[in-house]
Protein backbone atom coordinates (compact mmCIF):
# COMPACT_ATOMS: atom_id res chain seq x y z
CA MET A 1 -31.23 -11.36 77.05
CA GLY A 2 -28.18 -12.13 74.97
CA SER A 3 -28.78 -15.88 75.28
CA ASP A 4 -32.23 -15.49 73.71
CA LEU A 5 -30.80 -14.22 70.38
CA PRO A 6 -30.74 -16.76 67.54
CA PRO A 7 -27.29 -17.98 66.52
CA PRO A 8 -25.88 -16.43 63.34
CA ALA A 9 -26.59 -18.42 60.21
CA ALA A 10 -23.64 -20.44 58.96
CA ALA A 11 -22.09 -19.06 55.81
CA GLN A 12 -22.68 -21.14 52.70
CA LEU A 13 -19.55 -22.44 51.05
CA CYS A 14 -18.87 -23.12 47.38
CA PHE A 15 -17.70 -26.63 48.27
CA GLU A 16 -19.12 -27.75 51.60
CA ASN A 17 -16.83 -30.77 51.98
CA LEU A 18 -13.54 -29.06 51.15
CA ASN A 19 -11.34 -27.12 53.53
CA GLY A 20 -10.51 -23.59 52.46
CA SER A 21 -13.60 -23.24 50.29
CA CYS A 22 -14.71 -19.79 49.18
CA VAL A 23 -17.86 -18.34 50.72
CA LYS A 24 -20.88 -18.47 48.47
CA ILE A 25 -22.97 -15.34 47.85
CA SER A 26 -26.43 -15.68 49.39
CA TYR A 27 -29.12 -14.15 47.16
CA SER A 28 -32.82 -14.65 47.60
CA PRO A 29 -34.58 -16.28 44.62
CA GLY A 30 -35.89 -12.97 43.22
CA PRO A 31 -32.58 -11.09 42.87
CA ARG A 32 -30.86 -14.29 41.73
CA LEU A 33 -33.38 -14.72 38.90
CA ILE A 34 -33.03 -11.07 37.88
CA LEU A 35 -29.24 -11.27 37.76
CA TYR A 36 -29.23 -14.48 35.72
CA THR A 37 -31.79 -12.93 33.35
CA VAL A 38 -29.72 -9.78 32.81
CA PHE A 39 -26.46 -11.66 32.36
CA GLY A 40 -28.06 -14.37 30.25
CA PHE A 41 -29.70 -11.81 27.96
CA GLY A 42 -26.33 -10.14 27.39
CA SER A 43 -24.75 -13.49 26.55
CA TRP A 44 -27.63 -14.32 24.20
CA LEU A 45 -27.24 -11.01 22.36
CA ALA A 46 -23.49 -11.44 22.05
CA VAL A 47 -23.82 -14.98 20.66
CA PHE A 48 -26.80 -14.80 18.31
CA GLY A 49 -26.46 -11.16 17.26
CA ASN A 50 -22.84 -11.57 16.21
CA LEU A 51 -23.55 -14.97 14.69
CA LEU A 52 -26.18 -13.31 12.48
CA VAL A 53 -23.63 -10.76 11.27
CA MET A 54 -20.99 -13.43 10.52
CA ILE A 55 -23.39 -15.70 8.65
CA SER A 56 -24.79 -12.81 6.61
CA ILE A 57 -21.37 -11.58 5.49
CA LEU A 58 -19.98 -15.04 4.78
CA HIS A 59 -23.14 -16.17 2.97
CA PHE A 60 -23.23 -13.38 0.37
CA LYS A 61 -20.13 -13.33 -1.82
CA GLN A 62 -21.06 -9.81 -2.85
CA LEU A 63 -20.39 -8.75 0.75
CA HIS A 64 -16.82 -10.05 0.82
CA SER A 65 -15.32 -6.57 0.87
CA PRO A 66 -12.41 -5.40 3.06
CA SER A 67 -14.75 -3.39 5.27
CA ASN A 68 -17.20 -6.24 5.75
CA LEU A 69 -14.40 -8.70 6.51
CA LEU A 70 -13.37 -6.44 9.38
CA MET A 71 -16.97 -6.40 10.53
CA ALA A 72 -17.18 -10.21 10.37
CA SER A 73 -13.95 -10.60 12.33
CA LEU A 74 -15.16 -8.10 14.94
CA ALA A 75 -18.40 -10.07 15.23
CA CYS A 76 -16.34 -13.25 15.69
CA ALA A 77 -14.40 -11.70 18.59
CA ASP A 78 -17.60 -10.56 20.29
CA PHE A 79 -19.24 -13.93 19.54
CA LEU A 80 -16.38 -15.73 21.31
CA VAL A 81 -16.78 -13.42 24.33
CA GLY A 82 -20.43 -14.48 24.45
CA VAL A 83 -19.54 -18.19 24.21
CA THR A 84 -16.36 -18.63 26.26
CA VAL A 85 -16.47 -15.76 28.77
CA MET A 86 -19.89 -14.32 29.61
CA PRO A 87 -21.80 -17.51 30.62
CA PHE A 88 -19.07 -18.59 33.06
CA SER A 89 -18.66 -15.06 34.39
CA ALA A 90 -22.42 -14.96 34.97
CA VAL A 91 -22.25 -17.97 37.29
CA ARG A 92 -19.23 -16.53 39.10
CA SER A 93 -20.90 -13.14 39.50
CA VAL A 94 -24.17 -14.53 40.86
CA GLU A 95 -22.87 -17.44 42.94
CA GLY A 96 -19.51 -15.98 43.97
CA CYS A 97 -18.02 -19.38 43.12
CA TRP A 98 -16.05 -20.91 40.26
CA TYR A 99 -17.25 -24.43 39.46
CA PHE A 100 -15.38 -24.98 36.20
CA GLY A 101 -11.93 -26.04 37.35
CA GLU A 102 -8.66 -24.26 38.01
CA SER A 103 -7.35 -24.89 34.50
CA TYR A 104 -10.30 -23.28 32.79
CA CYS A 105 -10.06 -20.37 35.22
CA LYS A 106 -6.71 -19.52 33.60
CA PHE A 107 -8.10 -20.01 30.11
CA HIS A 108 -11.18 -17.99 30.96
CA THR A 109 -9.02 -15.06 32.06
CA CYS A 110 -6.90 -15.36 28.91
CA PHE A 111 -9.98 -15.56 26.68
CA ASP A 112 -11.44 -12.55 28.45
CA GLY A 113 -8.41 -10.38 27.70
CA SER A 114 -7.73 -11.76 24.22
CA PHE A 115 -11.21 -11.38 22.75
CA CYS A 116 -11.95 -8.05 24.41
CA TYR A 117 -8.69 -6.49 23.18
CA ALA A 118 -9.28 -7.99 19.74
CA SER A 119 -12.69 -6.30 19.72
CA ILE A 120 -11.12 -2.94 20.64
CA PHE A 121 -8.47 -3.19 17.90
CA HIS A 122 -11.07 -4.20 15.31
CA LEU A 123 -13.16 -1.15 16.16
CA CYS A 124 -10.09 1.04 15.73
CA PHE A 125 -9.27 -0.43 12.30
CA ILE A 126 -12.92 -0.09 11.23
CA SER A 127 -12.82 3.61 12.11
CA LEU A 128 -9.67 4.06 9.98
CA ASP A 129 -11.28 2.13 7.13
CA ARG A 130 -14.36 4.38 7.26
CA TYR A 131 -12.21 7.51 7.35
CA ILE A 132 -10.28 6.53 4.20
CA ALA A 133 -13.50 5.52 2.44
CA ILE A 134 -15.17 8.85 3.17
CA SER A 135 -12.20 11.19 2.83
CA ASP A 136 -10.97 9.71 -0.46
CA PRO A 137 -13.68 7.44 -1.90
CA LEU A 138 -12.21 7.27 -5.42
CA LEU A 139 -8.86 5.91 -4.21
CA TYR A 140 -10.34 3.78 -1.43
CA PRO A 141 -10.46 0.51 -3.48
CA THR A 142 -6.74 0.83 -4.29
CA ARG A 143 -5.66 1.76 -0.76
CA ILE A 144 -7.78 -0.72 1.20
CA SER A 145 -7.70 -4.17 -0.35
CA ILE A 146 -8.63 -7.60 0.96
CA SER A 147 -4.98 -8.24 1.82
CA VAL A 148 -4.78 -5.02 3.86
CA SER A 149 -7.93 -5.98 5.71
CA VAL A 150 -6.54 -9.46 6.41
CA MET A 151 -3.34 -7.94 7.82
CA CYS A 152 -5.38 -5.73 10.15
CA ILE A 153 -7.40 -8.74 11.26
CA ALA A 154 -4.28 -10.85 11.79
CA PHE A 155 -2.64 -8.13 13.89
CA SER A 156 -5.76 -7.68 16.03
CA TRP A 157 -6.00 -11.39 16.80
CA LEU A 158 -2.33 -12.32 17.13
CA PHE A 159 -1.31 -9.37 19.29
CA SER A 160 -4.31 -9.74 21.60
CA ILE A 161 -3.89 -13.51 22.06
CA ILE A 162 -0.11 -13.45 22.49
CA TYR A 163 -0.24 -10.54 24.94
CA SER A 164 -3.04 -11.94 27.12
CA PHE A 165 -1.80 -15.54 27.24
CA THR A 166 1.80 -14.51 27.91
CA LEU A 167 0.80 -12.13 30.70
CA ILE A 168 -1.43 -14.63 32.50
CA SER A 169 0.59 -17.80 31.91
CA THR A 170 3.83 -16.27 33.19
CA GLY A 171 2.15 -14.71 36.22
CA ALA A 172 3.75 -11.34 35.44
CA ASN A 173 0.51 -9.59 36.32
CA GLU A 174 0.77 -10.80 39.96
CA VAL A 175 4.42 -9.92 40.60
CA GLY A 176 4.60 -7.93 43.83
CA LEU A 177 1.10 -9.01 44.85
CA GLU A 178 1.98 -12.48 46.12
CA GLU A 179 0.77 -11.86 49.69
CA LEU A 180 -2.53 -10.39 48.52
CA VAL A 181 -3.12 -13.22 46.04
CA SER A 182 -2.30 -15.81 48.71
CA ALA A 183 -4.72 -14.19 51.18
CA LEU A 184 -7.53 -14.12 48.62
CA THR A 185 -6.97 -17.61 47.27
CA CYS A 186 -9.63 -20.15 48.19
CA VAL A 187 -11.16 -23.28 46.69
CA GLY A 188 -13.82 -22.26 44.20
CA GLY A 189 -12.41 -18.82 43.45
CA CYS A 190 -11.28 -17.36 40.13
CA GLN A 191 -10.17 -13.80 40.69
CA GLY A 192 -6.97 -12.38 39.25
CA ALA A 193 -4.97 -9.35 40.27
CA VAL A 194 -2.92 -7.00 38.11
CA ASN A 195 -0.01 -5.01 39.50
CA GLN A 196 0.57 -1.32 38.88
CA SER A 197 2.96 -1.74 35.95
CA TRP A 198 0.74 -4.02 33.91
CA VAL A 199 -2.46 -2.20 34.73
CA LEU A 200 -0.92 0.88 33.10
CA VAL A 201 0.02 -1.19 30.04
CA ASN A 202 -3.55 -2.52 29.87
CA PHE A 203 -4.91 1.01 30.07
CA LEU A 204 -2.63 2.19 27.25
CA LEU A 205 -3.81 -0.70 25.07
CA PHE A 206 -7.32 0.61 25.61
CA PHE A 207 -6.57 4.34 25.56
CA ILE A 208 -4.52 4.51 22.35
CA PRO A 209 -7.14 2.81 20.08
CA THR A 210 -9.85 4.83 21.80
CA LEU A 211 -8.03 8.10 21.16
CA VAL A 212 -7.57 7.11 17.52
CA MET A 213 -11.29 6.39 17.20
CA ILE A 214 -12.29 9.70 18.75
CA ILE A 215 -9.97 11.66 16.43
CA VAL A 216 -10.96 9.70 13.34
CA TYR A 217 -14.70 9.86 13.94
CA SER A 218 -14.42 13.59 14.63
CA LYS A 219 -12.75 14.02 11.25
CA ILE A 220 -15.41 11.85 9.60
CA PHE A 221 -18.11 14.08 11.02
CA LEU A 222 -16.33 17.23 9.81
CA ILE A 223 -15.92 15.76 6.31
CA ALA A 224 -19.58 14.76 6.19
CA LYS A 225 -20.55 18.25 7.33
CA GLN A 226 -18.38 19.90 4.66
CA GLN A 227 -19.82 17.63 1.97
CA ALA A 228 -23.33 18.46 3.12
CA ARG A 229 -22.62 22.19 2.89
CA LYS A 230 -21.11 21.86 -0.58
CA MET A 231 -24.08 19.87 -1.82
CA GLU A 232 -26.47 22.34 -0.23
CA SER A 233 -24.64 25.20 -1.95
CA MET A 234 -24.87 23.42 -5.27
CA SER A 235 -28.56 22.72 -4.76
CA ASN A 236 -29.24 26.43 -4.23
CA LYS A 237 -28.16 27.06 -7.83
CA THR A 238 -30.59 24.54 -9.26
CA VAL A 239 -34.23 25.07 -10.02
CA GLY A 240 -36.93 22.77 -8.70
CA SER A 241 -37.04 20.79 -5.50
CA SER A 242 -34.10 22.50 -3.83
CA ASP A 243 -35.93 22.90 -0.53
CA SER A 244 -36.71 19.21 -0.26
CA TYR A 245 -33.15 18.38 -1.22
CA LYS A 246 -31.82 20.69 1.49
CA ASP A 247 -34.03 18.92 3.98
CA ARG A 248 -32.65 15.54 2.95
CA VAL A 249 -29.08 16.77 3.28
CA ALA A 250 -29.82 18.18 6.74
CA ARG A 251 -31.36 14.88 7.83
CA ARG A 252 -28.35 12.97 6.55
CA GLU A 253 -26.00 15.27 8.43
CA ARG A 254 -27.92 14.80 11.65
CA LYS A 255 -27.96 11.05 11.12
CA ALA A 256 -24.19 10.99 10.59
CA ALA A 257 -23.57 12.98 13.77
CA ARG A 258 -25.99 10.85 15.78
CA THR A 259 -24.67 7.51 14.51
CA LEU A 260 -20.99 8.30 14.96
CA GLY A 261 -21.60 9.96 18.31
CA ILE A 262 -23.58 7.01 19.66
CA ALA A 263 -20.92 4.54 18.50
CA VAL A 264 -18.05 6.35 20.22
CA ILE A 265 -20.03 7.18 23.36
CA ALA A 266 -21.29 3.59 23.73
CA PHE A 267 -17.77 2.29 23.46
CA LEU A 268 -16.45 4.75 26.04
CA VAL A 269 -19.34 4.11 28.44
CA SER A 270 -18.71 0.38 28.19
CA TRP A 271 -14.98 0.30 28.75
CA LEU A 272 -13.74 3.53 30.32
CA PRO A 273 -15.23 3.00 33.85
CA TYR A 274 -13.74 -0.49 34.03
CA PHE A 275 -10.22 0.59 33.09
CA ILE A 276 -10.31 3.64 35.36
CA ASP A 277 -11.42 1.45 38.26
CA SER A 278 -8.60 -1.00 37.47
CA ILE A 279 -6.05 1.80 37.81
CA ILE A 280 -7.62 3.06 41.03
CA ASP A 281 -7.60 -0.44 42.50
CA ALA A 282 -3.99 -1.12 41.58
CA PHE A 283 -2.70 2.09 43.14
CA LEU A 284 -5.02 2.28 46.18
CA GLY A 285 -4.90 -1.30 47.37
CA PHE A 286 -7.90 -2.86 45.60
CA ILE A 287 -10.54 -0.90 47.48
CA THR A 288 -13.42 -1.39 45.03
CA PRO A 289 -16.31 -3.42 46.53
CA THR A 290 -16.97 -6.67 44.72
CA TYR A 291 -20.45 -5.70 43.56
CA ILE A 292 -19.14 -2.45 42.02
CA PHE A 293 -16.43 -4.36 40.17
CA GLU A 294 -19.00 -6.85 38.84
CA ILE A 295 -21.24 -4.04 37.60
CA LEU A 296 -18.35 -2.38 35.75
CA LEU A 297 -17.22 -5.71 34.34
CA TRP A 298 -20.65 -6.53 32.93
CA ILE A 299 -21.05 -3.07 31.43
CA ALA A 300 -17.83 -3.81 29.56
CA TYR A 301 -19.06 -7.28 28.58
CA TYR A 302 -22.23 -5.78 27.14
CA ASN A 303 -20.04 -3.98 24.62
CA SER A 304 -19.75 -7.36 22.90
CA ALA A 305 -23.53 -7.31 22.42
CA LYS A 306 -23.37 -4.10 20.38
CA THR A 307 -24.45 -5.77 17.12
CA LEU A 308 -27.75 -3.92 17.02
CA LEU A 309 -25.88 -0.62 17.34
CA LEU A 310 -23.47 -1.55 14.56
CA PHE A 311 -26.43 -2.22 12.22
CA SER A 312 -26.49 1.55 11.77
CA PHE A 313 -23.01 1.34 10.26
CA PHE A 314 -24.13 -1.07 7.56
CA PRO A 315 -25.65 0.37 4.38
CA SER A 316 -29.39 -0.03 3.99
CA TYR A 317 -29.10 -2.83 1.42
CA PHE A 318 -27.14 -4.91 3.94
CA ARG A 319 -29.68 -4.40 6.70
CA LYS A 320 -32.50 -5.41 4.35
CA SER A 321 -30.52 -8.46 3.22
CA MET A 322 -30.08 -9.58 6.82
CA LYS A 323 -33.81 -9.21 7.45
CA THR A 324 -35.05 -10.91 4.27
CA GLY A 325 -32.26 -13.43 3.71
CA THR A 326 -31.72 -12.28 0.12
CA LEU A 327 -29.45 -9.74 -1.48
CA VAL A 328 -31.71 -6.85 -2.38
CA THR A 329 -29.34 -4.59 -4.32
CA ASP A 330 -27.18 -5.11 -7.36
CA TRP A 331 -23.59 -4.73 -6.21
CA SER A 332 -22.21 -3.04 -9.34
CA SER A 333 -24.94 -0.42 -9.37
CA LEU A 334 -24.40 0.09 -5.65
CA GLU A 335 -20.70 0.82 -6.18
CA ASN A 336 -21.46 3.25 -8.99
CA ASN A 337 -24.04 5.08 -6.90
CA TRP A 338 -21.68 5.12 -3.93
CA HIS A 339 -18.87 6.82 -5.84
CA SER A 340 -21.26 9.42 -7.22
CA ARG A 341 -22.86 10.12 -3.81
CA PRO A 342 -20.14 10.16 -1.13
CA ILE A 343 -22.34 11.94 1.41
CA LYS A 344 -24.88 9.13 1.42
CA TYR A 345 -22.09 6.61 1.84
CA ALA A 346 -20.76 8.63 4.76
CA THR A 347 -24.06 8.78 6.58
CA ASN A 348 -24.93 5.12 6.14
CA PHE A 349 -21.90 3.94 8.07
């Protein structure tokens, strides 16, 4: 009976004619198409969505404010993730093979860390910028200038690039894991490993900015709520359309809570599972199945396609400008209205 069984199918290799080639993942055409569609759509959003933000801010001189420069730089970091990281990771995730050379494997890993950390730091600085703008709007122009914004941008980029390239190029992340790395190394593979010490450092570089964002956005929400209550109290003393005004204030308050909550939650959902899994893997012997790791990795990558979410942080005149291609609001009148109506400014970002 045993001799009647068909022989097992030979495993497909990434490079059939090379010894020591990695084994290729065998997907049927349907799942393969679905995976490429999902990954390709994320890459497309990251590239064209962030490109739209950069072009819009750079095109209109009226939008060259410290806050918008941070937004443009954030969009640049996410754009570079979509160009230099996500398309190549898509092929690796679907095929299980790396076809782009050993040299670019190193660069790809460095780009991955550099641009993703730059994105995290930009989000942290944007939250601080919004907090200062809402908590003290009259002094905001004197405290946050173009030069301050440029320093924040420079720190985000330089620290992220120097840290990631130094860690990968020196091989410090693989110290103590030489036997594991040697066992997993094959032709057509591009998988790195991070030891326990550096995985904790990586987690701190994620956790500290995240903690700052949670604290800052919580304070922003409380300030917006206090402003709404004060304005509601003032409206009760006026005669006329106080009820409709109270309704508008309530809607603005709900919008502020929803917008800020979605922003923080989306960020945490994107990155927290990946970093937690990295710590678990480092301390428990890399037990995560490959497909689970790929899912967590792509959830994190999709954070770079968050442009549509960040539209809610832009004021309405900016969103209309991006849709129509023209600046729809006079900047000087906008600034005057903004200083006289801090609650509206708070809820539009």
